[in-house]
Protein backbone atom coordinates (compact mmCIF):
# COMPACT_ATOMS: atom_id res chain seq x y z
CA MET A 1 142.83 60.57 118.12
CA PRO A 2 146.49 60.45 119.27
CA GLN A 3 149.20 61.75 117.01
CA ILE A 4 151.03 58.80 115.50
CA LYS A 5 154.75 59.19 114.99
CA SER A 6 156.63 57.67 112.09
CA LEU A 7 158.90 54.69 112.60
CA SER A 8 162.34 56.01 111.68
CA LEU A 9 164.82 53.71 110.00
CA THR A 10 167.50 55.11 112.28
CA THR A 11 165.54 53.78 115.24
CA ILE A 12 164.97 50.44 113.54
CA PHE A 13 168.58 49.84 112.61
CA GLY A 14 169.99 51.42 115.77
CA THR A 15 168.05 49.17 118.11
CA ALA A 16 166.81 46.17 116.17
CA VAL A 17 170.07 44.86 114.74
CA GLY A 18 171.23 44.16 118.27
CA MET A 19 168.03 42.47 119.37
CA LEU A 20 169.48 38.97 119.16
CA ILE A 21 172.39 39.89 121.44
CA PRO A 22 170.17 40.61 124.47
CA ILE A 23 168.22 37.44 123.72
CA LEU A 24 171.39 35.38 124.01
CA ALA A 25 172.60 37.36 127.02
CA PHE A 26 169.22 36.81 128.62
CA ALA A 27 169.57 33.10 127.96
CA GLN A 28 172.97 32.92 129.61
CA ASP A 29 171.60 34.57 132.76
CA HIS A 30 168.07 33.19 132.73
CA ASN A 31 168.33 31.84 136.27
CA ASN A 32 168.12 35.44 137.47
CA HIS A 33 164.79 35.91 135.68
CA ASP A 34 161.75 34.98 137.73
CA HIS A 35 159.62 33.93 134.73
CA ASP A 36 161.73 31.04 133.44
CA SER A 37 163.09 28.18 135.49
CA GLN A 38 164.00 24.52 135.57
CA ASP A 39 162.79 21.98 138.07
CA HIS A 40 165.11 19.51 139.79
CA GLY A 41 164.58 17.01 136.98
CA GLY A 42 165.97 19.38 134.40
CA GLN A 43 162.57 20.15 132.80
CA MET A 44 162.37 23.71 131.51
CA HIS A 45 159.35 25.86 132.29
CA ASN A 46 158.20 29.03 130.62
CA HIS A 47 155.73 30.98 132.74
CA ALA A 48 155.08 33.92 130.43
CA HIS A 49 151.62 33.35 129.04
CA ALA A 50 151.45 35.77 126.13
CA ASN A 51 150.01 33.18 123.76
CA VAL A 52 146.28 32.52 123.93
CA ALA A 53 144.92 29.14 122.85
CA VAL A 54 142.40 29.54 120.05
CA ASP A 55 139.64 27.40 118.59
CA CYS A 56 141.83 24.88 116.80
CA THR A 57 139.18 24.00 114.22
CA THR A 58 138.31 27.54 113.10
CA LEU A 59 141.26 29.77 113.99
CA ALA A 60 144.41 27.74 113.36
CA THR A 61 144.43 27.79 109.56
CA PRO A 62 143.39 30.18 106.80
CA PRO A 63 140.70 31.18 105.88
CA TRP A 64 140.28 31.64 109.67
CA ALA A 65 136.61 30.60 109.66
CA GLY A 66 136.14 31.63 113.31
CA LEU A 67 136.80 35.31 112.64
CA PRO A 68 134.17 37.95 111.91
CA GLU A 69 133.38 38.13 108.20
CA ALA A 70 134.99 41.58 107.88
CA ASP A 71 138.26 40.24 109.31
CA ARG A 72 138.24 37.22 107.01
CA ARG A 73 137.76 39.46 104.00
CA GLN A 74 140.48 41.82 105.18
CA LEU A 75 143.00 39.04 105.79
CA ALA A 76 142.22 37.44 102.42
CA ALA A 77 142.66 40.81 100.69
CA LEU A 78 145.96 41.40 102.50
CA GLN A 79 147.32 38.02 101.51
CA GLU A 80 146.25 38.57 97.91
CA GLU A 81 147.83 42.05 97.84
CA TYR A 82 151.12 40.90 99.34
CA SER A 83 151.35 37.75 97.24
CA ALA A 84 153.22 39.95 94.75
CA LEU A 85 156.01 40.09 97.37
CA ASP A 86 156.25 36.35 97.94
CA THR A 87 160.05 36.20 97.62
CA PRO A 88 162.79 38.36 99.17
CA GLU A 89 163.91 39.33 95.66
CA LYS A 90 160.46 40.69 94.80
CA ALA A 91 160.21 42.46 98.16
CA ARG A 92 163.60 44.12 97.75
CA ALA A 93 162.75 45.20 94.20
CA ALA A 94 159.60 46.85 95.58
CA GLY A 95 161.64 48.82 98.13
CA TRP A 96 161.31 46.62 101.21
CA MET A 97 164.39 45.85 103.32
CA PRO A 98 165.13 43.32 106.10
CA VAL A 99 165.70 44.38 109.70
CA ILE A 100 166.52 42.51 112.92
CA GLY A 101 167.45 38.86 112.35
CA ASP A 102 165.68 35.55 111.88
CA ILE A 103 163.70 35.33 115.11
CA PRO A 104 162.05 32.00 116.01
CA GLY A 105 158.28 32.14 115.81
CA MET A 106 158.44 35.27 113.64
CA GLY A 107 161.01 34.92 110.90
CA VAL A 108 162.71 37.99 109.44
CA HIS A 109 160.87 41.33 109.50
CA TRP A 110 161.12 43.48 106.35
CA VAL A 111 160.05 47.15 106.34
CA LEU A 112 159.04 49.61 103.63
CA PRO A 113 160.69 53.01 104.24
CA GLU A 114 158.05 55.01 102.37
CA ARG A 115 155.37 53.60 104.69
CA MET A 116 157.27 55.09 107.61
CA ALA A 117 156.31 58.62 106.55
CA ASP A 118 154.27 60.67 109.02
CA PRO A 119 151.29 60.34 109.29
CA LEU A 120 151.33 56.56 109.27
CA ASP A 121 148.44 54.80 107.52
CA ILE A 122 147.48 52.31 110.19
CA ASN A 123 145.29 50.49 107.67
CA LYS A 124 148.33 49.24 105.75
CA PRO A 125 151.00 46.93 107.18
CA ASP A 126 154.52 48.37 107.14
CA ASN A 127 156.25 45.06 107.97
CA ILE A 128 156.23 41.71 106.20
CA MET A 129 157.80 38.50 107.51
CA PHE A 130 159.76 35.80 105.72
CA THR A 131 160.65 32.35 107.07
CA SER A 132 162.74 29.58 105.53
CA ILE A 133 160.46 26.70 104.45
CA ASP A 134 161.60 23.88 102.17
CA GLY A 135 164.94 25.62 101.85
CA LYS A 136 163.45 28.87 100.54
CA ASP A 137 162.50 32.13 102.25
CA GLN A 138 158.71 32.33 102.02
CA LEU A 139 156.29 35.13 102.91
CA VAL A 140 154.39 34.09 106.05
CA GLY A 141 152.80 37.25 107.42
CA ALA A 142 152.69 41.01 107.89
CA ALA A 143 152.60 43.47 110.78
CA TYR A 144 151.22 46.92 111.59
CA THR A 145 153.37 49.24 113.72
CA PHE A 146 153.29 52.79 115.07
CA PHE A 147 154.74 54.91 117.88
CA ASP A 148 152.45 56.33 120.56
CA VAL A 149 152.09 56.58 124.33
CA PRO A 150 151.70 53.16 126.02
CA ASP A 151 147.97 53.62 126.69
CA THR A 152 147.18 54.31 123.06
CA THR A 153 143.59 54.80 121.97
CA MET A 154 144.39 53.85 118.39
CA PRO A 155 141.86 51.16 117.43
CA VAL A 156 143.08 47.81 116.19
CA PRO A 157 142.27 47.50 112.47
CA PHE A 158 140.32 44.24 113.02
CA GLU A 159 137.06 43.36 114.75
CA SER A 160 138.13 40.15 116.52
CA ASP A 161 138.89 40.29 120.24
CA LEU A 162 141.98 38.20 119.45
CA ALA A 163 143.53 41.17 117.65
CA LYS A 164 145.38 43.24 120.27
CA TRP A 165 148.37 45.58 120.20
CA HIS A 166 151.55 44.35 121.86
CA ASP A 167 154.37 46.81 122.28
CA HIS A 168 158.12 47.35 122.50
CA PRO A 169 159.15 50.37 124.61
CA GLN A 170 162.83 49.58 124.01
CA PHE A 171 162.42 50.60 120.35
CA ALA A 172 160.66 53.91 121.00
CA PRO A 173 161.49 57.47 122.11
CA ASP A 174 161.15 58.21 125.82
CA GLY A 175 157.54 58.32 126.94
CA GLN A 176 156.36 56.28 123.98
CA THR A 177 156.33 52.67 122.84
CA LEU A 178 156.27 50.83 119.52
CA HIS A 179 152.83 49.25 119.14
CA MET A 180 152.55 46.22 116.84
CA ILE A 181 150.21 43.48 115.73
CA HIS A 182 151.14 40.49 113.56
CA VAL A 183 148.85 38.90 110.99
CA TRP A 184 149.68 35.45 109.63
CA PHE A 185 149.13 34.21 106.09
CA VAL A 186 149.99 30.61 107.08
CA PRO A 187 148.66 28.19 109.72
CA SER A 188 149.43 29.52 113.19
CA SER A 189 149.72 27.72 116.51
CA ASN A 190 147.76 30.47 118.26
CA GLY A 191 145.64 32.02 115.56
CA PRO A 192 145.94 34.74 112.92
CA PHE A 193 147.05 37.53 115.28
CA ALA A 194 149.48 35.63 117.52
CA GLY A 195 152.68 37.42 118.43
CA LEU A 196 154.61 34.16 118.06
CA ASN A 197 153.74 31.40 115.61
CA PHE A 198 155.26 28.21 117.00
CA ASN A 199 154.50 26.35 113.76
CA LEU A 200 157.24 28.21 111.91
CA PRO A 201 160.35 26.47 113.33
CA PHE A 202 158.76 23.09 112.60
CA ALA A 203 158.24 24.19 108.99
CA THR A 204 161.84 25.41 108.81
CA ALA A 205 163.04 22.05 110.16
CA GLY A 206 160.97 20.27 107.51
CA ILE A 207 158.66 18.43 109.91
CA THR A 208 154.94 18.57 110.61
CA PRO A 209 153.95 20.91 113.46
CA PRO A 210 151.89 19.43 116.30
CA SER A 211 148.16 20.07 116.32
CA SER A 212 147.11 23.54 117.42
CA CYS A 213 144.42 21.78 119.48
CA TRP A 214 147.16 20.68 121.86
CA MET A 215 148.04 24.30 122.74
CA ALA A 216 145.01 24.54 125.05
CA ASP A 217 146.73 22.41 127.70
CA GLU A 218 149.32 24.51 129.54
CA ALA A 219 151.86 21.71 130.06
CA ASP A 220 151.57 20.51 126.48
CA SER A 221 151.79 24.09 125.20
CA GLU A 222 155.07 24.47 127.12
CA ARG A 223 156.43 21.32 125.51
CA ILE A 224 155.46 22.53 122.05
CA GLN A 225 157.06 25.93 122.61
CA ILE A 226 160.32 24.43 123.91
CA VAL A 227 160.61 21.89 121.09
CA SER A 228 159.74 24.57 118.53
CA PHE A 229 162.50 26.91 119.68
CA ALA A 230 164.99 24.05 120.05
CA LEU A 231 164.48 23.31 116.35
CA VAL A 232 165.46 26.80 115.15
CA PRO A 233 168.39 27.02 112.74
CA PRO A 234 171.84 26.93 114.41
CA ARG A 235 172.56 30.55 113.40
CA MET A 236 170.07 31.64 116.06
CA PHE A 237 172.33 30.25 118.78
CA GLY A 238 175.20 32.61 117.99
CA THR A 239 177.59 32.18 115.09
CA ASP A 240 180.68 32.11 117.32
CA SER A 241 179.41 29.31 119.50
CA PRO A 242 181.05 25.88 119.12
CA GLN A 243 177.76 24.31 120.16
CA ALA A 244 176.04 25.96 117.19
CA ALA A 245 178.31 24.22 114.70
CA ALA A 246 177.71 20.69 115.99
CA PRO A 247 175.59 18.59 113.58
CA PRO A 248 172.54 16.75 114.97
CA ARG A 249 173.37 13.37 116.46
CA PRO A 250 171.77 10.34 114.76
CA ASP A 251 169.62 9.59 117.81
CA ARG A 252 168.29 13.14 117.86
CA THR A 253 167.51 12.89 114.17
CA GLU A 254 165.49 9.81 115.01
CA MET A 255 163.60 11.73 117.71
CA ILE A 256 162.82 14.53 115.26
CA ALA A 257 161.52 11.93 112.80
CA ALA A 258 159.39 10.44 115.58
CA LEU A 259 157.94 13.89 116.34
CA ASP A 260 157.07 14.26 112.67
CA ALA A 261 155.40 10.85 112.52
CA ALA A 262 153.37 11.48 115.68
CA ALA A 263 152.21 14.88 114.40
CA ILE A 264 151.15 13.36 111.06
CA ALA A 265 149.25 10.61 112.92
CA ASP A 266 147.71 13.19 115.29
CA ASP A 267 148.98 10.96 118.12
CA ARG A 268 149.15 13.33 121.04
CA GLU A 269 150.44 10.79 123.58
CA ALA A 270 153.28 9.66 121.31
CA TRP A 271 154.21 13.24 120.40
CA MET A 272 154.37 14.40 124.03
CA ALA A 273 156.41 11.37 125.09
CA THR A 274 158.88 12.01 122.29
CA ALA A 275 158.93 15.71 123.15
CA ASP A 276 159.86 14.88 126.74
CA ALA A 277 162.73 12.71 125.51
CA PHE A 278 163.84 15.42 123.08
CA ILE A 279 163.78 18.12 125.77
CA ALA A 280 165.66 15.91 128.24
CA ASP A 281 168.31 15.33 125.56
CA LEU A 282 169.05 19.05 125.08
CA THR A 283 172.44 20.21 126.27
CA GLU A 284 172.69 22.71 129.09
CA PHE A 285 173.62 25.38 126.54
CA GLU A 286 170.55 24.57 124.43
CA GLN A 287 168.26 24.56 127.46
CA GLU A 288 169.52 27.95 128.62
CA THR A 289 169.27 29.46 125.14
CA VAL A 290 165.76 28.15 124.51
CA ALA A 291 164.55 29.26 127.95
CA GLY A 292 166.03 32.70 127.39
CA MET A 293 164.56 33.14 123.93
CA LEU A 294 161.12 31.95 125.04
CA GLY A 295 161.18 34.18 128.09
CA ILE A 296 162.15 37.41 126.41
CA LEU A 297 160.08 36.88 123.25
CA ASN A 298 156.93 35.91 125.14
CA LEU A 299 157.27 38.96 127.37
CA ASN A 300 157.70 41.13 124.28
CA GLN A 301 154.37 39.88 122.91
CA MET A 302 152.54 41.47 125.85
CA SER A 303 151.35 45.06 126.08
CA SER A 304 152.86 47.49 128.56
CA ALA A 305 149.59 47.38 130.52
CA GLU A 306 149.71 43.58 130.71
CA ARG A 307 153.32 43.66 131.94
CA ASP A 308 152.45 46.29 134.54
CA ALA A 309 149.48 44.23 135.75
CA ALA A 310 151.73 41.18 136.09
CA GLY A 311 154.45 43.13 137.91
CA ILE A 312 156.94 42.59 135.08
CA ALA A 313 159.57 45.25 134.39
CA GLN A 314 159.17 46.96 131.02
CA PRO A 315 161.86 46.20 128.42
CA GLY A 316 164.38 49.02 128.06
CA ARG A 317 167.21 49.90 125.74
CA GLY A 318 170.06 47.48 126.31
CA ASN A 319 167.88 45.48 128.69
């Protein structure tokens, strides 16, 4: 059994508060990254495949009927336990505190300092996530984290093959990495353990997310990811940006309404056609920002071993 190091708050605040800066910098220089590109027609492509399509009838919505019984019981117990922290006010009163920023597909991570003590109890999450839905910050999931060498032998605390550690070497001491797994309490585009839940930005925007069944097609999954990240609140695009302050144009509002209607009707053809029009309507700044965010966040949902196998450089501090 490897020795598990505690997650220090100094590390969290020293590295995580600046996480959005490299995302935006990455977006501005995404043409130098060989995993995100645009074709000659302006269509964006995201070639980092960290999100696995799941059985959309059994693994897209709680109670996650496609999971082993032990996992279903564990997830139900977790959601029941953490329902006492269903608002930021309750979480803060219980000693939790927010770190990083509001990241699309994840929300805001909150940590509990006392859970960071060494040795870490890997059977209890030490992160919870909030996302704005219906104008209020709502609890949407939790996460387990610990420091160890990249090739950790620490077992995942779930039976399902979908539950896998991803890791963040940029947040860890030299020679180690920060291992993490998310668990979702709300419907998820890629199942209960997905690193990114592309349903969340749709919920924040107040529209119906597209069917998780559509994520199985690679081209349609790309469309869903791009539209999802293009819907994130303007604050994610940089508070000093003039583009961030511009209100939605009436015709774009109409497209967003059309996406909502097609999702409600489960009309895949209409949704994808509207998505293509929506994506084509994005400004160059929006296209670059979305491509950058998707690229870096998808790569960060992989394990170090997966990045090595794909020939992808490991994330580093300030990189």
